[in-house]
């Protein structure tokens, strides 16, 4: 079990996705995307949607 005070743990990466091409790996912890602090998996999704 991880003791996190923010961020989102990567549990799946699609082959040839932007995350895969960026070198993100399983169990990485995402804490920020383009200057936006990340506190949950839902924030990863909403932040990425805003960037697209």
C-alpha atoms as a PDB file:
ATOM      1  CA  UNK A   1       0.000   0.000   0.000  1.00  0.00           C
ATOM      2  CA  UNK A   2       1.244   3.459  -0.905  1.00  0.00           C
ATOM      3  CA  UNK A   3       0.936   6.340   1.517  1.00  0.00           C
ATOM      4  CA  UNK A   4       0.171   9.271  -0.775  1.00  0.00           C
ATOM      5  CA  UNK A   5      -0.880  12.766   0.160  1.00  0.00           C
ATOM      6  CA  UNK A   6      -1.809  13.618  -3.411  1.00  0.00           C
ATOM      7  CA  UNK A   7      -1.232  12.460  -6.931  1.00  0.00           C
ATOM      8  CA  UNK A   8      -2.536   9.508  -8.890  1.00  0.00           C
ATOM      9  CA  UNK A   9      -0.856   6.115  -9.325  1.00  0.00           C
ATOM     10  CA  UNK A  10      -0.558   4.807 -12.893  1.00  0.00           C
ATOM     11  CA  UNK A  11      -2.114   1.328 -13.032  1.00  0.00           C
ATOM     12  CA  UNK A  12      -2.585   0.941 -16.797  1.00  0.00           C
ATOM     13  CA  UNK A  13      -0.874   2.281 -19.905  1.00  0.00           C
ATOM     14  CA  UNK A  14      -2.186   1.729 -23.412  1.00  0.00           C
ATOM     15  CA  UNK A  15       0.442   0.748 -25.991  1.00  0.00           C
ATOM     16  CA  UNK A  16       1.538   3.664 -28.192  1.00  0.00           C
ATOM     17  CA  UNK A  17      -0.520   6.154 -26.148  1.00  0.00           C
ATOM     18  CA  UNK A  18       0.867   9.606 -25.328  1.00  0.00           C
ATOM     19  CA  UNK A  19       1.652   8.329 -21.813  1.00  0.00           C
ATOM     20  CA  UNK A  20       3.521   5.337 -23.245  1.00  0.00           C
ATOM     21  CA  UNK A  21       5.472   7.532 -25.653  1.00  0.00           C
ATOM     22  CA  UNK A  22       6.313   9.927 -22.794  1.00  0.00           C
ATOM     23  CA  UNK A  23       7.887   7.071 -20.851  1.00  0.00           C
ATOM     24  CA  UNK A  24       5.328   6.899 -18.055  1.00  0.00           C
ATOM     25  CA  UNK A  25       5.497   3.511 -16.339  1.00  0.00           C
ATOM     26  CA  UNK A  26       3.208   1.409 -14.164  1.00  0.00           C
ATOM     27  CA  UNK A  27       3.184   2.546 -10.534  1.00  0.00           C
ATOM     28  CA  UNK A  28       4.477   6.034 -11.417  1.00  0.00           C
ATOM     29  CA  UNK A  29       2.758   8.713  -9.336  1.00  0.00           C
ATOM     30  CA  UNK A  30       1.466  11.709 -11.296  1.00  0.00           C
ATOM     31  CA  UNK A  31       1.523  14.806  -9.087  1.00  0.00           C
ATOM     32  CA  UNK A  32       1.359  17.555 -11.710  1.00  0.00           C
ATOM     33  CA  UNK A  33       0.412  17.989 -15.369  1.00  0.00           C
ATOM     34  CA  UNK A  34       1.398  21.184 -17.184  1.00  0.00           C
ATOM     35  CA  UNK A  35       1.532  23.142 -13.925  1.00  0.00           C
ATOM     36  CA  UNK A  36      -1.756  21.770 -12.552  1.00  0.00           C
ATOM     37  CA  UNK A  37      -1.446  19.855  -9.269  1.00  0.00           C
ATOM     38  CA  UNK A  38      -3.025  16.397  -9.369  1.00  0.00           C
ATOM     39  CA  UNK A  39      -4.740  14.916  -6.305  1.00  0.00           C
ATOM     40  CA  UNK A  40      -6.810  12.095  -7.806  1.00  0.00           C
ATOM     41  CA  UNK A  41      -7.220   9.928 -10.901  1.00  0.00           C
ATOM     42  CA  UNK A  42     -10.255  12.023 -11.858  1.00  0.00           C
ATOM     43  CA  UNK A  43      -8.079  15.138 -11.926  1.00  0.00           C
ATOM     44  CA  UNK A  44      -5.713  13.405 -14.367  1.00  0.00           C
ATOM     45  CA  UNK A  45      -8.612  12.789 -16.740  1.00  0.00           C
ATOM     46  CA  UNK A  46     -10.094  16.289 -16.459  1.00  0.00           C
ATOM     47  CA  UNK A  47      -6.693  17.989 -16.820  1.00  0.00           C
ATOM     48  CA  UNK A  48      -5.751  15.964 -19.889  1.00  0.00           C
ATOM     49  CA  UNK A  49      -9.143  16.728 -21.479  1.00  0.00           C
ATOM     50  CA  UNK A  50      -8.541  20.468 -20.969  1.00  0.00           C
ATOM     51  CA  UNK A  51      -5.127  20.248 -22.625  1.00  0.00           C
ATOM     52  CA  UNK A  52      -6.363  18.448 -25.756  1.00  0.00           C
END
